[in-house]
Amino acid sequence: LDGYQWSGDWPGFAAEEIERAHPEATAMIWAGCGADQNPLPRRKV
């Protein structure tokens, strides 16, 4: 995403999905060595 709304991007949506499946759990996502890796295609919610 490159718009103007606050968002965790795909990690935020992933955490929400994990927590929907496990409502009593907290999902914590860290970034690996992805400096040259993009989620493609992109630019759509």
ModelCIF file with pLDDT and N, C-alpha, C, O atoms, coordinates in Angstrom:
data_MODEL
#
_entry.id   MODEL 
#
_entity.id                         1 
_entity.type                       polymer 
_entity.pdbx_number_of_molecules   1 
#
_entity_poly.entity_id                      1 
_entity_poly.type                           'polypeptide(L)' 
_entity_poly.nstd_linkage                   no 
_entity_poly.nstd_monomer                   no 
_entity_poly.pdbx_seq_one_letter_code       LDGYQWSGDWPGFAAEEIERAHPEATAMIWAGCGADQNPLPRRKV 
_entity_poly.pdbx_seq_one_letter_code_can   LDGYQWSGDWPGFAAEEIERAHPEATAMIWAGCGADQNPLPRRKV 
_entity_poly.pdbx_strand_id                 A 
#
loop_
_entity_poly_seq.entity_id 
_entity_poly_seq.num 
_entity_poly_seq.mon_id 
_entity_poly_seq.hetero 
1 1  LEU n 
1 2  ASP n 
1 3  GLY n 
1 4  TYR n 
1 5  GLN n 
1 6  TRP n 
1 7  SER n 
1 8  GLY n 
1 9  ASP n 
1 10 TRP n 
1 11 PRO n 
1 12 GLY n 
1 13 PHE n 
1 14 ALA n 
1 15 ALA n 
1 16 GLU n 
1 17 GLU n 
1 18 ILE n 
1 19 GLU n 
1 20 ARG n 
1 21 ALA n 
1 22 HIS n 
1 23 PRO n 
1 24 GLU n 
1 25 ALA n 
1 26 THR n 
1 27 ALA n 
1 28 MET n 
1 29 ILE n 
1 30 TRP n 
1 31 ALA n 
1 32 GLY n 
1 33 CYS n 
1 34 GLY n 
1 35 ALA n 
1 36 ASP n 
1 37 GLN n 
1 38 ASN n 
1 39 PRO n 
1 40 LEU n 
1 41 PRO n 
1 42 ARG n 
1 43 ARG n 
1 44 LYS n 
1 45 VAL n 
#
_struct_asym.id          A 
_struct_asym.entity_id   1 
#
loop_
_ma_qa_metric.id 
_ma_qa_metric.mode 
_ma_qa_metric.name 
_ma_qa_metric.software_group_id 
_ma_qa_metric.type 
1 global pLDDT . pLDDT 
2 local  pLDDT . pLDDT 
#
_ma_qa_metric_global.metric_id      1 
_ma_qa_metric_global.metric_value   97.31 
_ma_qa_metric_global.model_id       1 
_ma_qa_metric_global.ordinal_id     1 
#
loop_
_ma_qa_metric_local.label_asym_id 
_ma_qa_metric_local.label_comp_id 
_ma_qa_metric_local.label_seq_id 
_ma_qa_metric_local.metric_id 
_ma_qa_metric_local.metric_value 
_ma_qa_metric_local.model_id 
_ma_qa_metric_local.ordinal_id 
A LEU 1  2 98.00 1 1  
A ASP 2  2 96.00 1 2  
A GLY 3  2 96.00 1 3  
A TYR 4  2 97.00 1 4  
A GLN 5  2 98.00 1 5  
A TRP 6  2 98.00 1 6  
A SER 7  2 98.00 1 7  
A GLY 8  2 98.00 1 8  
A ASP 9  2 98.00 1 9  
A TRP 10 2 98.00 1 10 
A PRO 11 2 98.00 1 11 
A GLY 12 2 98.00 1 12 
A PHE 13 2 98.00 1 13 
A ALA 14 2 98.00 1 14 
A ALA 15 2 98.00 1 15 
A GLU 16 2 98.00 1 16 
A GLU 17 2 98.00 1 17 
A ILE 18 2 98.00 1 18 
A GLU 19 2 98.00 1 19 
A ARG 20 2 98.00 1 20 
A ALA 21 2 97.00 1 21 
A HIS 22 2 97.00 1 22 
A PRO 23 2 97.00 1 23 
A GLU 24 2 95.00 1 24 
A ALA 25 2 98.00 1 25 
A THR 26 2 98.00 1 26 
A ALA 27 2 98.00 1 27 
A MET 28 2 98.00 1 28 
A ILE 29 2 98.00 1 29 
A TRP 30 2 98.00 1 30 
A ALA 31 2 98.00 1 31 
A GLY 32 2 98.00 1 32 
A CYS 33 2 98.00 1 33 
A GLY 34 2 97.00 1 34 
A ALA 35 2 98.00 1 35 
A ASP 36 2 98.00 1 36 
A GLN 37 2 98.00 1 37 
A ASN 38 2 97.00 1 38 
A PRO 39 2 97.00 1 39 
A LEU 40 2 94.00 1 40 
A PRO 41 2 94.00 1 41 
A ARG 42 2 94.00 1 42 
A ARG 43 2 95.00 1 43 
A LYS 44 2 96.00 1 44 
A VAL 45 2 98.00 1 45 
#
loop_
_atom_site.group_PDB 
_atom_site.id 
_atom_site.type_symbol 
_atom_site.label_atom_id 
_atom_site.label_alt_id 
_atom_site.label_comp_id 
_atom_site.label_asym_id 
_atom_site.label_entity_id 
_atom_site.label_seq_id 
_atom_site.pdbx_PDB_ins_code 
_atom_site.Cartn_x 
_atom_site.Cartn_y 
_atom_site.Cartn_z 
_atom_site.occupancy 
_atom_site.B_iso_or_equiv 
_atom_site.pdbx_formal_charge 
_atom_site.auth_seq_id 
_atom_site.auth_comp_id 
_atom_site.auth_asym_id 
_atom_site.auth_atom_id 
_atom_site.pdbx_PDB_model_num 
ATOM 1   N N  . LEU A 1 1  ? 0.826   -1.208  0.000  1.00 98.00 ? 1  LEU A N  1 
ATOM 2   C CA . LEU A 1 1  ? 0.000   0.000   0.000  1.00 98.00 ? 1  LEU A CA 1 
ATOM 3   C C  . LEU A 1 1  ? 0.862   1.261   0.000  1.00 98.00 ? 1  LEU A C  1 
ATOM 4   O O  . LEU A 1 1  ? 1.922   1.306   0.624  1.00 98.00 ? 1  LEU A O  1 
ATOM 5   N N  . ASP A 1 2  ? 0.380   2.294   -0.721 1.00 96.00 ? 2  ASP A N  1 
ATOM 6   C CA . ASP A 1 2  ? 1.103   3.561   -0.765 1.00 96.00 ? 2  ASP A CA 1 
ATOM 7   C C  . ASP A 1 2  ? 0.160   4.750   -0.625 1.00 96.00 ? 2  ASP A C  1 
ATOM 8   O O  . ASP A 1 2  ? 0.479   5.858   -1.058 1.00 96.00 ? 2  ASP A O  1 
ATOM 9   N N  . GLY A 1 3  ? -1.002  4.516   -0.019 1.00 96.00 ? 3  GLY A N  1 
ATOM 10  C CA . GLY A 1 3  ? -1.985  5.579   0.130  1.00 96.00 ? 3  GLY A CA 1 
ATOM 11  C C  . GLY A 1 3  ? -1.772  6.397   1.389  1.00 96.00 ? 3  GLY A C  1 
ATOM 12  O O  . GLY A 1 3  ? -0.646  6.545   1.863  1.00 96.00 ? 3  GLY A O  1 
ATOM 13  N N  . TYR A 1 4  ? -2.854  6.923   1.923  1.00 97.00 ? 4  TYR A N  1 
ATOM 14  C CA . TYR A 1 4  ? -2.774  7.848   3.062  1.00 97.00 ? 4  TYR A CA 1 
ATOM 15  C C  . TYR A 1 4  ? -3.581  7.366   4.265  1.00 97.00 ? 4  TYR A C  1 
ATOM 16  O O  . TYR A 1 4  ? -4.007  8.174   5.090  1.00 97.00 ? 4  TYR A O  1 
ATOM 17  N N  . GLN A 1 5  ? -3.790  6.062   4.367  1.00 98.00 ? 5  GLN A N  1 
ATOM 18  C CA . GLN A 1 5  ? -4.498  5.500   5.514  1.00 98.00 ? 5  GLN A CA 1 
ATOM 19  C C  . GLN A 1 5  ? -3.536  4.658   6.343  1.00 98.00 ? 5  GLN A C  1 
ATOM 20  O O  . GLN A 1 5  ? -2.746  3.881   5.808  1.00 98.00 ? 5  GLN A O  1 
ATOM 21  N N  . TRP A 1 6  ? -3.621  4.830   7.669  1.00 98.00 ? 6  TRP A N  1 
ATOM 22  C CA . TRP A 1 6  ? -2.786  4.037   8.566  1.00 98.00 ? 6  TRP A CA 1 
ATOM 23  C C  . TRP A 1 6  ? -3.089  2.554   8.355  1.00 98.00 ? 6  TRP A C  1 
ATOM 24  O O  . TRP A 1 6  ? -4.247  2.154   8.236  1.00 98.00 ? 6  TRP A O  1 
ATOM 25  N N  . SER A 1 7  ? -2.042  1.760   8.312  1.00 98.00 ? 7  SER A N  1 
ATOM 26  C CA . SER A 1 7  ? -2.211  0.332   8.092  1.00 98.00 ? 7  SER A CA 1 
ATOM 27  C C  . SER A 1 7  ? -0.917  -0.398  8.401  1.00 98.00 ? 7  SER A C  1 
ATOM 28  O O  . SER A 1 7  ? 0.173   0.146   8.222  1.00 98.00 ? 7  SER A O  1 
ATOM 29  N N  . GLY A 1 8  ? -1.043  -1.626  8.865  1.00 98.00 ? 8  GLY A N  1 
ATOM 30  C CA . GLY A 1 8  ? 0.119   -2.484  9.040  1.00 98.00 ? 8  GLY A CA 1 
ATOM 31  C C  . GLY A 1 8  ? 0.537   -3.175  7.763  1.00 98.00 ? 8  GLY A C  1 
ATOM 32  O O  . GLY A 1 8  ? 1.444   -4.008  7.772  1.00 98.00 ? 8  GLY A O  1 
ATOM 33  N N  . ASP A 1 9  ? -0.137  -2.825  6.625  1.00 98.00 ? 9  ASP A N  1 
ATOM 34  C CA . ASP A 1 9  ? 0.129   -3.462  5.337  1.00 98.00 ? 9  ASP A CA 1 
ATOM 35  C C  . ASP A 1 9  ? -0.104  -4.966  5.486  1.00 98.00 ? 9  ASP A C  1 
ATOM 36  O O  . ASP A 1 9  ? -0.881  -5.378  6.348  1.00 98.00 ? 9  ASP A O  1 
ATOM 37  N N  . TRP A 1 10 ? 0.554   -5.801  4.662  1.00 98.00 ? 10 TRP A N  1 
ATOM 38  C CA . TRP A 1 10 ? 0.255   -7.239  4.740  1.00 98.00 ? 10 TRP A CA 1 
ATOM 39  C C  . TRP A 1 10 ? 0.545   -7.828  6.118  1.00 98.00 ? 10 TRP A C  1 
ATOM 40  O O  . TRP A 1 10 ? -0.195  -8.722  6.529  1.00 98.00 ? 10 TRP A O  1 
ATOM 41  N N  . PRO A 1 11 ? 1.582   -7.390  6.876  1.00 98.00 ? 11 PRO A N  1 
ATOM 42  C CA . PRO A 1 11 ? 1.749   -7.950  8.216  1.00 98.00 ? 11 PRO A CA 1 
ATOM 43  C C  . PRO A 1 11 ? 0.561   -7.650  9.131  1.00 98.00 ? 11 PRO A C  1 
ATOM 44  O O  . PRO A 1 11 ? 0.178   -8.484  9.952  1.00 98.00 ? 11 PRO A O  1 
ATOM 45  N N  . GLY A 1 12 ? -0.023  -6.453  8.984  1.00 98.00 ? 12 GLY A N  1 
ATOM 46  C CA . GLY A 1 12 ? -1.185  -6.117  9.794  1.00 98.00 ? 12 GLY A CA 1 
ATOM 47  C C  . GLY A 1 12 ? -2.377  -6.997  9.469  1.00 98.00 ? 12 GLY A C  1 
ATOM 48  O O  . GLY A 1 12 ? -3.070  -7.467  10.371 1.00 98.00 ? 12 GLY A O  1 
ATOM 49  N N  . PHE A 1 13 ? -2.619  -7.223  8.182  1.00 98.00 ? 13 PHE A N  1 
ATOM 50  C CA . PHE A 1 13 ? -3.730  -8.089  7.787  1.00 98.00 ? 13 PHE A CA 1 
ATOM 51  C C  . PHE A 1 13 ? -3.458  -9.537  8.187  1.00 98.00 ? 13 PHE A C  1 
ATOM 52  O O  . PHE A 1 13 ? -4.386  -10.257 8.556  1.00 98.00 ? 13 PHE A O  1 
ATOM 53  N N  . ALA A 1 14 ? -2.199  -9.972  8.118  1.00 98.00 ? 14 ALA A N  1 
ATOM 54  C CA . ALA A 1 14 ? -1.858  -11.331 8.535  1.00 98.00 ? 14 ALA A CA 1 
ATOM 55  C C  . ALA A 1 14 ? -2.118  -11.521 10.019 1.00 98.00 ? 14 ALA A C  1 
ATOM 56  O O  . ALA A 1 14 ? -2.674  -12.540 10.429 1.00 98.00 ? 14 ALA A O  1 
ATOM 57  N N  . ALA A 1 15 ? -1.716  -10.538 10.832 1.00 98.00 ? 15 ALA A N  1 
ATOM 58  C CA . ALA A 1 15 ? -1.942  -10.632 12.274 1.00 98.00 ? 15 ALA A CA 1 
ATOM 59  C C  . ALA A 1 15 ? -3.430  -10.706 12.580 1.00 98.00 ? 15 ALA A C  1 
ATOM 60  O O  . ALA A 1 15 ? -3.857  -11.493 13.426 1.00 98.00 ? 15 ALA A O  1 
ATOM 61  N N  . GLU A 1 16 ? -4.218  -9.889  11.894 1.00 98.00 ? 16 GLU A N  1 
ATOM 62  C CA . GLU A 1 16 ? -5.662  -9.918  12.115 1.00 98.00 ? 16 GLU A CA 1 
ATOM 63  C C  . GLU A 1 16 ? -6.241  -11.286 11.747 1.00 98.00 ? 16 GLU A C  1 
ATOM 64  O O  . GLU A 1 16 ? -7.110  -11.803 12.449 1.00 98.00 ? 16 GLU A O  1 
ATOM 65  N N  . GLU A 1 17 ? -5.766  -11.862 10.668 1.00 98.00 ? 17 GLU A N  1 
ATOM 66  C CA . GLU A 1 17 ? -6.270  -13.164 10.221 1.00 98.00 ? 17 GLU A CA 1 
ATOM 67  C C  . GLU A 1 17 ? -5.918  -14.257 11.240 1.00 98.00 ? 17 GLU A C  1 
ATOM 68  O O  . GLU A 1 17 ? -6.757  -15.097 11.565 1.00 98.00 ? 17 GLU A O  1 
ATOM 69  N N  . ILE A 1 18 ? -4.696  -14.243 11.733 1.00 98.00 ? 18 ILE A N  1 
ATOM 70  C CA . ILE A 1 18 ? -4.272  -15.225 12.739 1.00 98.00 ? 18 ILE A CA 1 
ATOM 71  C C  . ILE A 1 18 ? -5.101  -15.069 14.005 1.00 98.00 ? 18 ILE A C  1 
ATOM 72  O O  . ILE A 1 18 ? -5.518  -16.060 14.604 1.00 98.00 ? 18 ILE A O  1 
ATOM 73  N N  . GLU A 1 19 ? -5.339  -13.831 14.411 1.00 98.00 ? 19 GLU A N  1 
ATOM 74  C CA . GLU A 1 19 ? -6.083  -13.594 15.655 1.00 98.00 ? 19 GLU A CA 1 
ATOM 75  C C  . GLU A 1 19 ? -7.571  -13.900 15.506 1.00 98.00 ? 19 GLU A C  1 
ATOM 76  O O  . GLU A 1 19 ? -8.238  -14.227 16.488 1.00 98.00 ? 19 GLU A O  1 
ATOM 77  N N  . ARG A 1 20 ? -8.097  -13.797 14.281 1.00 98.00 ? 20 ARG A N  1 
ATOM 78  C CA . ARG A 1 20 ? -9.480  -14.228 14.068 1.00 98.00 ? 20 ARG A CA 1 
ATOM 79  C C  . ARG A 1 20 ? -9.607  -15.741 14.265 1.00 98.00 ? 20 ARG A C  1 
ATOM 80  O O  . ARG A 1 20 ? -10.591 -16.232 14.817 1.00 98.00 ? 20 ARG A O  1 
ATOM 81  N N  . ALA A 1 21 ? -8.585  -16.462 13.799 1.00 97.00 ? 21 ALA A N  1 
ATOM 82  C CA . ALA A 1 21 ? -8.603  -17.914 13.954 1.00 97.00 ? 21 ALA A CA 1 
ATOM 83  C C  . ALA A 1 21 ? -8.327  -18.337 15.395 1.00 97.00 ? 21 ALA A C  1 
ATOM 84  O O  . ALA A 1 21 ? -8.738  -19.417 15.819 1.00 97.00 ? 21 ALA A O  1 
ATOM 85  N N  . HIS A 1 22 ? -7.624  -17.478 16.151 1.00 97.00 ? 22 HIS A N  1 
ATOM 86  C CA . HIS A 1 22 ? -7.254  -17.794 17.535 1.00 97.00 ? 22 HIS A CA 1 
ATOM 87  C C  . HIS A 1 22 ? -7.513  -16.560 18.395 1.00 97.00 ? 22 HIS A C  1 
ATOM 88  O O  . HIS A 1 22 ? -6.575  -15.839 18.739 1.00 97.00 ? 22 HIS A O  1 
ATOM 89  N N  . PRO A 1 23 ? -8.776  -16.309 18.747 1.00 97.00 ? 23 PRO A N  1 
ATOM 90  C CA . PRO A 1 23 ? -9.161  -15.045 19.399 1.00 97.00 ? 23 PRO A CA 1 
ATOM 91  C C  . PRO A 1 23 ? -8.453  -14.754 20.716 1.00 97.00 ? 23 PRO A C  1 
ATOM 92  O O  . PRO A 1 23 ? -8.362  -13.593 21.115 1.00 97.00 ? 23 PRO A O  1 
ATOM 93  N N  . GLU A 1 24 ? -7.952  -15.769 21.395 1.00 95.00 ? 24 GLU A N  1 
ATOM 94  C CA . GLU A 1 24 ? -7.289  -15.535 22.684 1.00 95.00 ? 24 GLU A CA 1 
ATOM 95  C C  . GLU A 1 24 ? -5.782  -15.368 22.535 1.00 95.00 ? 24 GLU A C  1 
ATOM 96  O O  . GLU A 1 24 ? -5.070  -15.226 23.530 1.00 95.00 ? 24 GLU A O  1 
ATOM 97  N N  . ALA A 1 25 ? -5.295  -15.384 21.300 1.00 98.00 ? 25 ALA A N  1 
ATOM 98  C CA . ALA A 1 25 ? -3.853  -15.285 21.059 1.00 98.00 ? 25 ALA A CA 1 
ATOM 99  C C  . ALA A 1 25 ? -3.486  -13.922 20.484 1.00 98.00 ? 25 ALA A C  1 
ATOM 100 O O  . ALA A 1 25 ? -4.314  -13.238 19.882 1.00 98.00 ? 25 ALA A O  1 
ATOM 101 N N  . THR A 1 26 ? -2.234  -13.545 20.682 1.00 98.00 ? 26 THR A N  1 
ATOM 102 C CA . THR A 1 26 ? -1.665  -12.329 20.094 1.00 98.00 ? 26 THR A CA 1 
ATOM 103 C C  . THR A 1 26 ? -0.678  -12.738 19.007 1.00 98.00 ? 26 THR A C  1 
ATOM 104 O O  . THR A 1 26 ? 0.236   -13.524 19.256 1.00 98.00 ? 26 THR A O  1 
ATOM 105 N N  . ALA A 1 27 ? -0.862  -12.205 17.807 1.00 98.00 ? 27 ALA A N  1 
ATOM 106 C CA . ALA A 1 27 ? 0.032   -12.503 16.686 1.00 98.00 ? 27 ALA A CA 1 
ATOM 107 C C  . ALA A 1 27 ? 1.092   -11.418 16.574 1.00 98.00 ? 27 ALA A C  1 
ATOM 108 O O  . ALA A 1 27 ? 0.764   -10.235 16.476 1.00 98.00 ? 27 ALA A O  1 
ATOM 109 N N  . MET A 1 28 ? 2.350   -11.811 16.587 1.00 98.00 ? 28 MET A N  1 
ATOM 110 C CA . MET A 1 28 ? 3.476   -10.884 16.512 1.00 98.00 ? 28 MET A CA 1 
ATOM 111 C C  . MET A 1 28 ? 4.313   -11.237 15.286 1.00 98.00 ? 28 MET A C  1 
ATOM 112 O O  . MET A 1 28 ? 4.787   -12.364 15.146 1.00 98.00 ? 28 MET A O  1 
ATOM 113 N N  . ILE A 1 29 ? 4.488   -10.253 14.397 1.00 98.00 ? 29 ILE A N  1 
ATOM 114 C CA . ILE A 1 29 ? 5.175   -10.509 13.137 1.00 98.00 ? 29 ILE A CA 1 
ATOM 115 C C  . ILE A 1 29 ? 6.429   -9.640  13.044 1.00 98.00 ? 29 ILE A C  1 
ATOM 116 O O  . ILE A 1 29 ? 6.378   -8.425  13.235 1.00 98.00 ? 29 ILE A O  1 
ATOM 117 N N  . TRP A 1 30 ? 7.552   -10.292 12.747 1.00 98.00 ? 30 TRP A N  1 
ATOM 118 C CA . TRP A 1 30 ? 8.800   -9.559  12.549 1.00 98.00 ? 30 TRP A CA 1 
ATOM 119 C C  . TRP A 1 30 ? 9.232   -9.665  11.089 1.00 98.00 ? 30 TRP A C  1 
ATOM 120 O O  . TRP A 1 30 ? 8.856   -10.603 10.386 1.00 98.00 ? 30 TRP A O  1 
ATOM 121 N N  . ALA A 1 31 ? 10.013  -8.707  10.652 1.00 98.00 ? 31 ALA A N  1 
ATOM 122 C CA . ALA A 1 31 ? 10.454  -8.657  9.257  1.00 98.00 ? 31 ALA A CA 1 
ATOM 123 C C  . ALA A 1 31 ? 11.785  -9.375  9.103  1.00 98.00 ? 31 ALA A C  1 
ATOM 124 O O  . ALA A 1 31 ? 12.719  -9.146  9.871  1.00 98.00 ? 31 ALA A O  1 
ATOM 125 N N  . GLY A 1 32 ? 11.862  -10.245 8.104  1.00 98.00 ? 32 GLY A N  1 
ATOM 126 C CA . GLY A 1 32 ? 13.109  -10.922 7.795  1.00 98.00 ? 32 GLY A CA 1 
ATOM 127 C C  . GLY A 1 32 ? 13.984  -10.070 6.880  1.00 98.00 ? 32 GLY A C  1 
ATOM 128 O O  . GLY A 1 32 ? 13.794  -8.857  6.786  1.00 98.00 ? 32 GLY A O  1 
ATOM 129 N N  . CYS A 1 33 ? 14.935  -10.701 6.211  1.00 98.00 ? 33 CYS A N  1 
ATOM 130 C CA . CYS A 1 33 ? 15.872  -9.974  5.341  1.00 98.00 ? 33 CYS A CA 1 
ATOM 131 C C  . CYS A 1 33 ? 15.220  -9.753  3.977  1.00 98.00 ? 33 CYS A C  1 
ATOM 132 O O  . CYS A 1 33 ? 15.574  -10.402 2.993  1.00 98.00 ? 33 CYS A O  1 
ATOM 133 N N  . GLY A 1 34 ? 14.270  -8.834  3.939  1.00 97.00 ? 34 GLY A N  1 
ATOM 134 C CA . GLY A 1 34 ? 13.482  -8.614  2.742  1.00 97.00 ? 34 GLY A CA 1 
ATOM 135 C C  . GLY A 1 34 ? 13.727  -7.289  2.064  1.00 97.00 ? 34 GLY A C  1 
ATOM 136 O O  . GLY A 1 34 ? 12.844  -6.785  1.369  1.00 97.00 ? 34 GLY A O  1 
ATOM 137 N N  . ALA A 1 35 ? 14.901  -6.707  2.245  1.00 98.00 ? 35 ALA A N  1 
ATOM 138 C CA . ALA A 1 35 ? 15.158  -5.380  1.691  1.00 98.00 ? 35 ALA A CA 1 
ATOM 139 C C  . ALA A 1 35 ? 15.064  -5.343  0.173  1.00 98.00 ? 35 ALA A C  1 
ATOM 140 O O  . ALA A 1 35 ? 14.724  -4.310  -0.404 1.00 98.00 ? 35 ALA A O  1 
ATOM 141 N N  . ASP A 1 36 ? 15.363  -6.470  -0.479 1.00 98.00 ? 36 ASP A N  1 
ATOM 142 C CA . ASP A 1 36 ? 15.264  -6.529  -1.940 1.00 98.00 ? 36 ASP A CA 1 
ATOM 143 C C  . ASP A 1 36 ? 14.113  -7.423  -2.390 1.00 98.00 ? 36 ASP A C  1 
ATOM 144 O O  . ASP A 1 36 ? 14.101  -7.908  -3.521 1.00 98.00 ? 36 ASP A O  1 
ATOM 145 N N  . GLN A 1 37 ? 13.143  -7.639  -1.494 1.00 98.00 ? 37 GLN A N  1 
ATOM 146 C CA . GLN A 1 37 ? 11.996  -8.508  -1.784 1.00 98.00 ? 37 GLN A CA 1 
ATOM 147 C C  . GLN A 1 37 ? 10.708  -7.691  -1.677 1.00 98.00 ? 37 GLN A C  1 
ATOM 148 O O  . GLN A 1 37 ? 10.478  -7.020  -0.671 1.00 98.00 ? 37 GLN A O  1 
ATOM 149 N N  . ASN A 1 38 ? 9.878   -7.747  -2.705 1.00 97.00 ? 38 ASN A N  1 
ATOM 150 C CA . ASN A 1 38 ? 8.602   -7.020  -2.697 1.00 97.00 ? 38 ASN A CA 1 
ATOM 151 C C  . ASN A 1 38 ? 7.424   -7.983  -2.767 1.00 97.00 ? 38 ASN A C  1 
ATOM 152 O O  . ASN A 1 38 ? 7.536   -9.071  -3.333 1.00 97.00 ? 38 ASN A O  1 
ATOM 153 N N  . PRO A 1 39 ? 6.281   -7.577  -2.184 1.00 97.00 ? 39 PRO A N  1 
ATOM 154 C CA . PRO A 1 39 ? 5.047   -8.332  -2.358 1.00 97.00 ? 39 PRO A CA 1 
ATOM 155 C C  . PRO A 1 39 ? 4.422   -7.923  -3.691 1.00 97.00 ? 39 PRO A C  1 
ATOM 156 O O  . PRO A 1 39 ? 3.949   -6.796  -3.834 1.00 97.00 ? 39 PRO A O  1 
ATOM 157 N N  . LEU A 1 40 ? 4.418   -8.814  -4.642 1.00 94.00 ? 40 LEU A N  1 
ATOM 158 C CA . LEU A 1 40 ? 3.971   -8.454  -5.987 1.00 94.00 ? 40 LEU A CA 1 
ATOM 159 C C  . LEU A 1 40 ? 2.922   -9.428  -6.498 1.00 94.00 ? 40 LEU A C  1 
ATOM 160 O O  . LEU A 1 40 ? 3.026   -10.634 -6.274 1.00 94.00 ? 40 LEU A O  1 
ATOM 161 N N  . PRO A 1 41 ? 1.887   -8.894  -7.200 1.00 94.00 ? 41 PRO A N  1 
ATOM 162 C CA . PRO A 1 41 ? 1.602   -7.484  -7.494 1.00 94.00 ? 41 PRO A CA 1 
ATOM 163 C C  . PRO A 1 41 ? 1.161   -6.735  -6.240 1.00 94.00 ? 41 PRO A C  1 
ATOM 164 O O  . PRO A 1 41 ? 0.968   -7.337  -5.183 1.00 94.00 ? 41 PRO A O  1 
ATOM 165 N N  . ARG A 1 42 ? 1.005   -5.428  -6.364 1.00 94.00 ? 42 ARG A N  1 
ATOM 166 C CA . ARG A 1 42 ? 0.680   -4.604  -5.197 1.00 94.00 ? 42 ARG A CA 1 
ATOM 167 C C  . ARG A 1 42 ? -0.128  -3.379  -5.604 1.00 94.00 ? 42 ARG A C  1 
ATOM 168 O O  . ARG A 1 42 ? -0.606  -3.280  -6.735 1.00 94.00 ? 42 ARG A O  1 
ATOM 169 N N  . ARG A 1 43 ? -0.275  -2.430  -4.645 1.00 95.00 ? 43 ARG A N  1 
ATOM 170 C CA . ARG A 1 43 ? -0.965  -1.149  -4.809 1.00 95.00 ? 43 ARG A CA 1 
ATOM 171 C C  . ARG A 1 43 ? -2.483  -1.254  -4.686 1.00 95.00 ? 43 ARG A C  1 
ATOM 172 O O  . ARG A 1 43 ? -3.191  -0.302  -5.016 1.00 95.00 ? 43 ARG A O  1 
ATOM 173 N N  . LYS A 1 44 ? -2.993  -2.386  -4.220 1.00 96.00 ? 44 LYS A N  1 
ATOM 174 C CA . LYS A 1 44 ? -4.426  -2.521  -3.959 1.00 96.00 ? 44 LYS A CA 1 
ATOM 175 C C  . LYS A 1 44 ? -4.622  -3.141  -2.578 1.00 96.00 ? 44 LYS A C  1 
ATOM 176 O O  . LYS A 1 44 ? -3.873  -4.031  -2.175 1.00 96.00 ? 44 LYS A O  1 
ATOM 177 N N  . VAL A 1 45 ? -5.637  -2.663  -1.856 1.00 98.00 ? 45 VAL A N  1 
ATOM 178 C CA . VAL A 1 45 ? -5.916  -3.188  -0.522 1.00 98.00 ? 45 VAL A CA 1 
ATOM 179 C C  . VAL A 1 45 ? -6.174  -4.688  -0.580 1.00 98.00 ? 45 VAL A C  1 
ATOM 180 O O  . VAL A 1 45 ? -6.428  -5.311  0.451  1.00 98.00 ? 45 VAL A O  1 
#
